[in-house]
Protein backbone atom coordinates (compact mmCIF):
# COMPACT_ATOMS: atom_id res chain seq x y z
CA MET A 1 -0.02 0.05 -0.01
CA VAL A 2 1.23 3.51 -0.90
CA SER A 3 0.13 4.81 2.59
CA THR A 4 2.84 2.68 4.23
CA LEU A 5 5.58 4.20 2.10
CA THR A 6 7.59 7.25 3.04
CA ILE A 7 7.81 10.17 0.65
CA ARG A 8 11.45 9.29 0.12
CA ASP A 9 10.44 5.64 -0.80
CA ILE A 10 7.89 6.96 -3.30
CA LYS A 11 10.50 9.29 -4.69
CA ASN A 12 13.08 6.61 -5.17
CA LYS A 13 10.45 4.38 -6.84
CA LEU A 14 9.32 7.09 -9.23
CA GLU A 15 12.86 8.05 -10.19
CA SER A 16 14.03 4.44 -10.71
CA GLN A 17 14.17 2.75 -14.20
CA GLN A 18 11.59 0.22 -13.14
CA GLU A 19 8.14 0.21 -14.76
CA ILE A 20 5.53 2.02 -12.68
CA SER A 21 2.03 0.34 -12.72
CA GLU A 22 -1.21 2.12 -13.26
CA GLU A 23 -2.42 0.82 -10.06
CA PHE A 24 0.42 2.48 -8.14
CA ILE A 25 -0.24 5.75 -10.00
CA SER A 26 -3.84 5.59 -9.07
CA GLN A 27 -3.00 5.03 -5.35
CA LEU A 28 -0.75 8.02 -5.50
CA LYS A 29 -3.61 10.15 -6.89
CA HIS A 30 -5.59 9.30 -3.87
CA ASP A 31 -2.84 10.06 -1.33
CA ASN A 32 -3.45 13.36 0.49
CA ARG A 33 0.10 14.08 1.32
CA ARG A 34 1.21 17.30 -0.36
CA GLY A 35 4.78 15.91 -1.02
CA VAL A 36 3.28 12.90 -2.72
CA GLN A 37 1.26 14.96 -4.97
CA LYS A 38 4.23 17.08 -5.95
CA LEU A 39 6.21 13.89 -6.78
CA LEU A 40 3.34 12.61 -8.87
CA ASP A 41 3.15 15.91 -10.71
CA GLY A 42 6.88 15.84 -11.46
CA TYR A 43 6.67 12.21 -12.60
CA GLN A 44 3.80 12.87 -15.02
CA ARG A 45 5.51 15.86 -16.53
CA ARG A 46 8.72 13.64 -17.17
CA GLN A 47 6.53 11.05 -18.66
CA GLU A 48 4.93 13.49 -21.07
CA LYS A 49 8.35 15.01 -22.04
CA ALA A 50 9.53 11.45 -22.69
CA LEU A 51 6.64 10.70 -24.91
CA LEU A 52 7.06 14.05 -26.82
CA ASP A 53 10.84 13.31 -27.28
CA LYS A 54 9.98 9.84 -28.66
CA GLN A 55 7.55 11.23 -31.08
CA LEU A 56 9.91 13.93 -32.21
CA PHE A 57 12.75 11.33 -32.69
CA THR A 58 10.29 9.24 -34.88
CA GLU A 59 9.49 12.40 -36.95
CA MET A 60 13.04 13.34 -37.42
CA SER A 61 13.85 9.84 -38.64
CA THR A 62 11.63 10.37 -41.67
CA TYR A 63 14.45 11.23 -44.15
CA GLU A 64 16.62 8.33 -42.97
CA ARG A 65 13.78 5.89 -43.20
CA ILE A 66 12.95 6.87 -46.70
CA GLN A 67 16.46 6.28 -47.81
CA GLN A 68 16.63 2.89 -45.83
CA GLN A 69 13.45 1.73 -47.51
CA SER A 70 15.00 2.46 -50.93
CA GLY A 71 17.96 0.28 -50.17
CA LYS A 72 20.53 2.68 -48.76
CA SER A 73 22.54 1.51 -45.77
CA PHE A 74 24.92 4.25 -44.87
CA ILE A 75 23.12 7.63 -44.55
CA ALA A 76 25.35 10.59 -43.43
CA GLY A 77 24.16 13.84 -41.89
CA ILE A 78 26.38 16.84 -42.36
CA ASP A 79 26.22 20.16 -40.51
CA GLU A 80 28.66 23.00 -39.48
CA ALA A 81 29.13 25.30 -36.51
CA GLY A 82 30.89 28.75 -36.64
CA ARG A 83 29.72 30.57 -39.70
CA GLY A 84 28.80 33.67 -37.84
CA PRO A 85 31.55 34.43 -35.30
CA LEU A 86 34.34 37.03 -35.70
CA ALA A 87 36.98 34.64 -34.64
CA GLY A 88 38.02 30.97 -34.79
CA PRO A 89 37.48 28.15 -37.32
CA VAL A 90 34.42 26.89 -39.00
CA VAL A 91 33.82 23.28 -38.21
CA ALA A 92 31.74 20.69 -40.06
CA ALA A 93 30.81 17.20 -38.89
CA ALA A 94 29.64 14.18 -40.82
CA VAL A 95 27.79 11.40 -38.90
CA ILE A 96 26.38 7.99 -40.01
CA LEU A 97 24.00 6.55 -37.48
CA GLY A 98 22.93 2.98 -37.51
CA GLU A 99 19.27 1.92 -37.91
CA SER A 100 19.07 0.87 -34.35
CA PHE A 101 20.37 4.18 -32.97
CA TYR A 102 17.97 5.80 -30.54
CA LEU A 103 18.53 8.96 -28.55
CA PRO A 104 15.16 10.69 -27.56
CA GLY A 105 15.78 14.40 -27.03
CA LEU A 106 18.21 14.69 -29.94
CA ASN A 107 17.64 17.93 -31.78
CA ASP A 108 19.52 20.92 -33.22
CA SER A 109 22.49 21.73 -31.00
CA LYS A 110 21.20 25.17 -30.54
CA GLN A 111 18.08 23.87 -28.89
CA ILE A 112 20.06 21.80 -26.33
CA ASN A 113 21.92 23.07 -23.36
CA GLU A 114 25.73 22.66 -22.84
CA ARG A 115 25.47 19.74 -20.38
CA LEU A 116 23.13 17.79 -22.71
CA ARG A 117 25.26 18.57 -25.79
CA ASN A 118 28.28 17.14 -24.20
CA GLU A 119 26.29 13.99 -23.00
CA TYR A 120 24.90 13.57 -26.42
CA TYR A 121 28.34 14.10 -28.10
CA GLN A 122 29.70 11.13 -26.10
CA ILE A 123 26.68 8.95 -26.95
CA ILE A 124 26.83 9.85 -30.73
CA THR A 125 30.55 9.39 -31.15
CA SER A 126 30.57 6.15 -29.25
CA GLN A 127 27.47 4.71 -31.03
CA ALA A 128 27.82 5.98 -34.56
CA LYS A 129 28.81 3.72 -37.47
CA SER A 130 31.21 6.52 -38.51
CA TRP A 131 31.80 10.10 -37.74
CA ALA A 132 34.45 12.78 -38.72
CA VAL A 133 35.06 16.56 -38.68
CA GLY A 134 36.49 19.01 -41.01
CA VAL A 135 38.09 22.25 -39.79
CA ILE A 136 38.84 25.53 -41.78
CA ASP A 137 40.86 28.05 -39.88
CA ASN A 138 40.16 31.85 -39.97
CA GLN A 139 43.03 32.55 -42.42
CA GLU A 140 41.48 30.22 -45.02
CA ILE A 141 38.03 31.63 -44.26
CA ASP A 142 39.45 35.07 -45.14
CA ASN A 143 40.97 33.67 -48.40
CA LEU A 144 37.78 31.69 -49.45
CA ASN A 145 34.88 33.46 -47.81
CA ILE A 146 32.76 31.91 -45.18
CA TYR A 147 30.30 30.20 -47.42
CA GLN A 148 32.97 28.47 -49.56
CA ALA A 149 34.93 27.67 -46.36
CA SER A 150 31.89 26.01 -44.76
CA LYS A 151 31.38 23.85 -47.90
CA LYS A 152 35.08 22.87 -47.88
CA ALA A 153 34.88 21.89 -44.22
CA MET A 154 31.82 19.70 -45.14
CA HIS A 155 33.71 17.94 -47.89
CA ILE A 156 36.62 17.28 -45.56
CA ALA A 157 34.38 15.78 -42.93
CA LEU A 158 32.79 13.73 -45.50
CA ASN A 159 36.02 12.40 -46.93
CA ASN A 160 37.37 11.64 -43.32
CA LEU A 161 34.58 9.24 -42.61
CA LYS A 162 35.85 5.67 -42.33
CA GLN A 163 32.62 4.34 -43.76
CA GLN A 164 31.65 6.31 -46.97
CA PRO A 165 27.90 6.94 -47.25
CA ASP A 166 25.53 6.01 -50.02
CA HIS A 167 23.30 9.03 -49.29
CA VAL A 168 23.99 12.41 -47.64
CA LEU A 169 21.69 14.64 -45.90
CA ILE A 170 22.92 18.21 -45.54
CA ASP A 171 21.74 21.23 -43.47
CA ALA A 172 20.61 23.80 -46.04
CA VAL A 173 23.75 23.87 -48.15
CA PRO A 174 23.88 22.01 -51.50
CA LEU A 175 27.23 20.17 -52.03
CA GLU A 176 28.64 19.44 -55.42
CA ARG A 177 30.94 16.66 -56.42
CA LEU A 178 29.64 14.06 -54.16
CA PRO A 179 30.19 10.31 -54.91
CA CYS A 180 26.58 9.52 -53.81
CA THR A 181 23.15 10.86 -53.82
CA SER A 182 22.35 13.89 -51.46
CA GLU A 183 19.76 16.41 -50.47
CA ALA A 184 20.01 19.84 -48.83
CA ILE A 185 17.35 20.25 -46.23
CA ILE A 186 16.27 23.75 -44.92
CA LYS A 187 16.48 23.67 -41.12
CA GLY A 188 17.69 20.14 -41.47
CA ASP A 189 19.08 20.09 -37.96
CA GLN A 190 15.56 20.13 -36.71
CA LYS A 191 14.23 17.67 -39.25
CA SER A 192 16.80 14.90 -39.46
CA ILE A 193 18.39 12.87 -36.59
CA SER A 194 21.57 12.53 -38.71
CA ILE A 195 21.95 16.16 -39.30
CA ALA A 196 21.07 17.01 -35.64
CA ALA A 197 23.76 14.52 -34.49
CA ALA A 198 26.30 16.20 -36.86
CA SER A 199 25.20 19.60 -35.57
CA ILE A 200 26.15 18.46 -31.95
CA VAL A 201 29.44 16.99 -32.93
CA ALA A 202 30.34 20.15 -34.83
CA LYS A 203 29.28 22.43 -32.16
CA VAL A 204 30.94 20.57 -29.21
CA THR A 205 34.11 20.20 -31.32
CA ARG A 206 34.31 23.91 -32.03
CA ASP A 207 33.42 24.89 -28.61
CA ARG A 208 36.43 22.99 -27.25
CA MET A 209 38.59 24.52 -29.83
CA MET A 210 37.53 28.03 -28.73
CA ALA A 211 38.10 27.01 -25.16
CA ASP A 212 41.74 26.23 -26.05
CA ILE A 213 42.09 29.58 -27.81
CA HIS A 214 40.63 31.29 -24.75
CA ALA A 215 43.42 29.79 -22.59
CA ASP A 216 45.92 31.83 -24.90
CA TYR A 217 43.77 34.92 -25.11
CA PRO A 218 41.45 35.11 -21.93
CA LEU A 219 40.85 38.89 -22.40
CA TYR A 220 38.38 38.08 -25.26
CA ASP A 221 36.33 35.61 -23.28
CA PHE A 222 36.17 33.11 -26.18
CA ILE A 223 35.15 30.37 -23.72
CA THR A 224 31.83 32.13 -23.19
CA ASN A 225 31.25 33.88 -26.60
CA GLN A 226 32.85 31.30 -28.86
CA GLY A 227 34.01 34.17 -31.00
CA TYR A 228 30.67 35.76 -31.69
CA GLY A 229 30.46 39.51 -31.57
CA THR A 230 29.12 40.14 -28.11
CA LYS A 231 29.34 43.52 -26.50
CA ALA A 232 32.29 42.38 -24.28
CA HIS A 233 34.10 40.79 -27.28
CA ILE A 234 33.78 44.08 -29.26
CA THR A 235 34.99 46.02 -26.26
CA ALA A 236 37.90 43.86 -25.91
CA LEU A 237 38.71 44.22 -29.64
CA HIS A 238 38.74 48.05 -29.35
CA LYS A 239 40.87 47.90 -26.19
CA HIS A 240 43.38 45.10 -27.04
CA GLY A 241 43.29 44.84 -30.81
CA ILE A 242 42.79 41.69 -32.81
CA THR A 243 44.27 38.21 -32.28
CA PRO A 244 45.74 35.83 -34.77
CA TYR A 245 42.47 33.93 -34.65
CA HIS A 246 40.20 36.86 -35.83
CA ARG A 247 38.69 36.83 -39.22
CA LYS A 248 39.99 39.99 -41.03
CA SER A 249 37.40 39.69 -43.81
CA PHE A 250 34.56 40.13 -41.38
CA ALA A 251 33.25 43.83 -41.24
CA PRO A 252 33.94 44.63 -37.50
CA ILE A 253 37.47 43.29 -37.77
CA ARG A 254 38.13 44.82 -41.18
CA GLU A 255 36.99 48.21 -39.96
CA LEU A 256 39.43 48.00 -36.99
CA ILE A 257 42.43 47.22 -39.23
CA THR A 258 41.66 50.03 -41.65
CA LYS A 259 41.37 52.66 -38.86
């Protein structure tokens, strides 16, 4: 009987991985203890979120399912991180997930907090059939322009895969000269689990690179702004000048150089 259980006992049961029966939930609903009702409310909200995450994962697997049904086995998702910042590289990632891969909650890296991004990064990189990154530094970005640099980083990531794909899903950017079929999907990181996985790998990889750069140039707070043009970053630029990692072709940096 629920009435014989302490609130701590109930909390432990609801937070365990074991299946909770409908009868137990029904008994909790009739328990007058305020603490029990609070625990029940939290449990039900977690269950609702888990169901929504499962539904979203199924919806975001549509592009992969279509290709699998057509006979494709190795479907790569490609995305990049770092097109907008004033400093640092642009990083692309390519990820091939297996048909059995399941990670409810997987979404565009921008929709996930840093703790979950790092957790998902570990899961993706340990369970993916193949994954790789491509990095283009700020000097090459200046030489090519950011759009072409992003595409080059994607090609590098794709070529670095140990298992070459037979279909490629790309976030928004059409890629030429691919050895297999491909499709560019607008907002693909919110519509495809493979692209979402690539967005997380690219984002976490780049954030870690910016943390390393921050260690050499702490005045610019790269560990927090990742090279984006925040107010504090712009202030530091005017006060201390540019670093070897700043993109000289980007307007705010170019204007500083020409003054």
